Each structure stands twice: as C-alpha cells, then as structure tokens.
Amino acid sequence: MNKNELITAMAEASGLPKKDCEIALNAFTGVVENALKAENKVQLVGFGSFEVKARAARTGRNPRTKEPVEIAASKAPVFKAGKALKDAIQ
C-alpha cells in the first residue's frame, strides 16, 4: 500500500474527504518525524511505538574485495508493534 492508497482507505473508513485525510496523514508523519529528531519516543497504545535506536560503530567487510571497512555510528528509526496489532494480524 502506498501513500495514495492509504489516503483513499482512510477516506473510505472515516467518511472524510481525501484532502482532509491527506492533511491529517502529513501532520501525523511530520509530528512523528519531529519527535524522533528530538529523540523522543512516540507510543500509540495498542498499535505500537516509534523510537530512535543508536547503532555503534563497527568494522564491516566489502563483499567484493573482502577488505575491512569502518562503518560509522548512526541512529535509525525503529517501529515496534504493540500487542493488539500483533494479535490482529495473526
């Protein structure tokens, strides 16, 4: 499902116009992005949580040349599904 399909599904489920659903979806993604930038956790009870995980620096290997490569430390967004969501898809 892409963004346009999600907006259409939201409009059908809520009875709201597509334009309003697009505004709401863009606001939601913007708020989550800003919270993660500030390294805050966004938790939606029953659905899941979004947070930032730190990845330590490590040594990898170039698969073509087999040479060791230093991989810098980084931060990655992570979504962890809540119990209700896990139960709903089983």
C-alpha atoms as a PDB file:
ATOM      1  CA  MET A   1       0.000   0.000   0.000  1.00  0.00           C
ATOM      2  CA  ASN A   2       1.453   3.350  -0.990  1.00  0.00           C
ATOM      3  CA  LYS A   3       0.611   6.793   0.395  1.00  0.00           C
ATOM      4  CA  ASN A   4      -2.215   7.492  -2.086  1.00  0.00           C
ATOM      5  CA  GLU A   5      -3.819   4.110  -1.402  1.00  0.00           C
ATOM      6  CA  LEU A   6      -3.550   4.751   2.336  1.00  0.00           C
ATOM      7  CA  ILE A   7      -5.223   8.155   1.982  1.00  0.00           C
ATOM      8  CA  THR A   8      -8.024   6.590  -0.077  1.00  0.00           C
ATOM      9  CA  ALA A   9      -8.530   3.833   2.514  1.00  0.00           C
ATOM     10  CA  MET A  10      -8.567   6.397   5.338  1.00  0.00           C
ATOM     11  CA  ALA A  11     -11.169   8.466   3.470  1.00  0.00           C
ATOM     12  CA  GLU A  12     -13.384   5.430   2.908  1.00  0.00           C
ATOM     13  CA  ALA A  13     -13.084   4.258   6.533  1.00  0.00           C
ATOM     14  CA  SER A  14     -13.689   7.682   8.085  1.00  0.00           C
ATOM     15  CA  GLY A  15     -16.102   9.273   5.628  1.00  0.00           C
ATOM     16  CA  LEU A  16     -13.838  12.337   5.428  1.00  0.00           C
ATOM     17  CA  PRO A  17     -12.720  13.892   2.158  1.00  0.00           C
ATOM     18  CA  LYS A  18      -9.412  12.676   0.727  1.00  0.00           C
ATOM     19  CA  LYS A  19      -7.932  16.163   1.085  1.00  0.00           C
ATOM     20  CA  ASP A  20      -8.602  16.161   4.854  1.00  0.00           C
ATOM     21  CA  CYS A  21      -7.151  12.661   5.189  1.00  0.00           C
ATOM     22  CA  GLU A  22      -4.020  13.741   3.326  1.00  0.00           C
ATOM     23  CA  ILE A  23      -3.621  16.744   5.647  1.00  0.00           C
ATOM     24  CA  ALA A  24      -4.075  14.513   8.702  1.00  0.00           C
ATOM     25  CA  LEU A  25      -1.590  11.911   7.421  1.00  0.00           C
ATOM     26  CA  ASN A  26       1.006  14.577   6.582  1.00  0.00           C
ATOM     27  CA  ALA A  27       0.544  16.131  10.033  1.00  0.00           C
ATOM     28  CA  PHE A  28       0.961  12.733  11.700  1.00  0.00           C
ATOM     29  CA  THR A  29       4.139  11.868   9.812  1.00  0.00           C
ATOM     30  CA  GLY A  30       5.552  15.348  10.457  1.00  0.00           C
ATOM     31  CA  VAL A  31       4.884  15.137  14.193  1.00  0.00           C
ATOM     32  CA  VAL A  32       6.441  11.662  14.433  1.00  0.00           C
ATOM     33  CA  GLU A  33       9.477  12.810  12.425  1.00  0.00           C
ATOM     34  CA  ASN A  34       9.995  15.866  14.644  1.00  0.00           C
ATOM     35  CA  ALA A  35       9.622  13.792  17.810  1.00  0.00           C
ATOM     36  CA  LEU A  36      12.185  11.272  16.573  1.00  0.00           C
ATOM     37  CA  LYS A  37      14.579  14.077  15.616  1.00  0.00           C
ATOM     38  CA  ALA A  38      14.326  15.264  19.228  1.00  0.00           C
ATOM     39  CA  GLU A  39      14.972  11.629  20.258  1.00  0.00           C
ATOM     40  CA  ASN A  40      11.539  11.301  21.874  1.00  0.00           C
ATOM     41  CA  LYS A  41       9.534   8.095  21.759  1.00  0.00           C
ATOM     42  CA  VAL A  42       6.067   8.144  20.155  1.00  0.00           C
ATOM     43  CA  GLN A  43       3.845   5.488  21.695  1.00  0.00           C
ATOM     44  CA  LEU A  44       0.362   4.625  20.427  1.00  0.00           C
ATOM     45  CA  VAL A  45      -1.123   2.194  22.942  1.00  0.00           C
ATOM     46  CA  GLY A  46      -2.374  -0.936  21.216  1.00  0.00           C
ATOM     47  CA  PHE A  47      -0.734  -0.039  17.903  1.00  0.00           C
ATOM     48  CA  GLY A  48       2.979   0.346  18.570  1.00  0.00           C
ATOM     49  CA  SER A  49       5.802   2.746  19.214  1.00  0.00           C
ATOM     50  CA  PHE A  50       8.319   4.682  17.165  1.00  0.00           C
ATOM     51  CA  GLU A  51      11.755   5.428  18.597  1.00  0.00           C
ATOM     52  CA  VAL A  52      15.361   6.071  17.640  1.00  0.00           C
ATOM     53  CA  LYS A  53      17.985   3.389  18.228  1.00  0.00           C
ATOM     54  CA  ALA A  54      21.704   4.117  18.214  1.00  0.00           C
ATOM     55  CA  ARG A  55      23.949   1.855  16.176  1.00  0.00           C
ATOM     56  CA  ALA A  56      27.533   1.604  17.355  1.00  0.00           C
ATOM     57  CA  ALA A  57      30.489   1.995  15.005  1.00  0.00           C
ATOM     58  CA  ARG A  58      31.748  -1.318  13.712  1.00  0.00           C
ATOM     59  CA  THR A  59      34.037  -2.930  11.193  1.00  0.00           C
ATOM     60  CA  GLY A  60      32.355  -4.478   8.164  1.00  0.00           C
ATOM     61  CA  ARG A  61      33.728  -6.180   5.101  1.00  0.00           C
ATOM     62  CA  ASN A  62      33.484  -5.168   1.446  1.00  0.00           C
ATOM     63  CA  PRO A  63      31.907  -8.254  -0.188  1.00  0.00           C
ATOM     64  CA  ARG A  64      33.690  -7.666  -3.498  1.00  0.00           C
ATOM     65  CA  THR A  65      37.250  -7.094  -2.256  1.00  0.00           C
ATOM     66  CA  LYS A  66      36.982  -8.702   1.208  1.00  0.00           C
ATOM     67  CA  GLU A  67      38.720  -5.591   2.603  1.00  0.00           C
ATOM     68  CA  PRO A  68      37.696  -4.417   6.097  1.00  0.00           C
ATOM     69  CA  VAL A  69      35.609  -1.225   6.070  1.00  0.00           C
ATOM     70  CA  GLU A  70      34.869   1.035   9.031  1.00  0.00           C
ATOM     71  CA  ILE A  71      31.140   1.682   9.391  1.00  0.00           C
ATOM     72  CA  ALA A  72      30.376   4.874  11.321  1.00  0.00           C
ATOM     73  CA  ALA A  73      27.981   5.041  14.271  1.00  0.00           C
ATOM     74  CA  SER A  74      24.454   6.069  13.283  1.00  0.00           C
ATOM     75  CA  LYS A  75      20.906   6.458  14.515  1.00  0.00           C
ATOM     76  CA  ALA A  76      17.969   4.603  12.959  1.00  0.00           C
ATOM     77  CA  PRO A  77      14.197   4.967  13.380  1.00  0.00           C
ATOM     78  CA  VAL A  78      12.545   1.798  14.702  1.00  0.00           C
ATOM     79  CA  PHE A  79       8.888   0.749  14.896  1.00  0.00           C
ATOM     80  CA  LYS A  80       7.857  -1.867  17.433  1.00  0.00           C
ATOM     81  CA  ALA A  81       4.356  -3.286  17.006  1.00  0.00           C
ATOM     82  CA  GLY A  82       2.080  -3.325  20.049  1.00  0.00           C
ATOM     83  CA  LYS A  83       0.324  -6.409  21.386  1.00  0.00           C
ATOM     84  CA  ALA A  84      -3.062  -5.524  19.896  1.00  0.00           C
ATOM     85  CA  LEU A  85      -1.570  -5.065  16.434  1.00  0.00           C
ATOM     86  CA  LYS A  86       0.366  -8.327  16.683  1.00  0.00           C
ATOM     87  CA  ASP A  87      -2.790 -10.167  17.791  1.00  0.00           C
ATOM     88  CA  ALA A  88      -4.848  -8.576  14.978  1.00  0.00           C
ATOM     89  CA  ILE A  89      -2.635  -9.921  12.216  1.00  0.00           C
ATOM     90  CA  GLN A  90      -2.305 -13.475  13.486  1.00  0.00           C
END
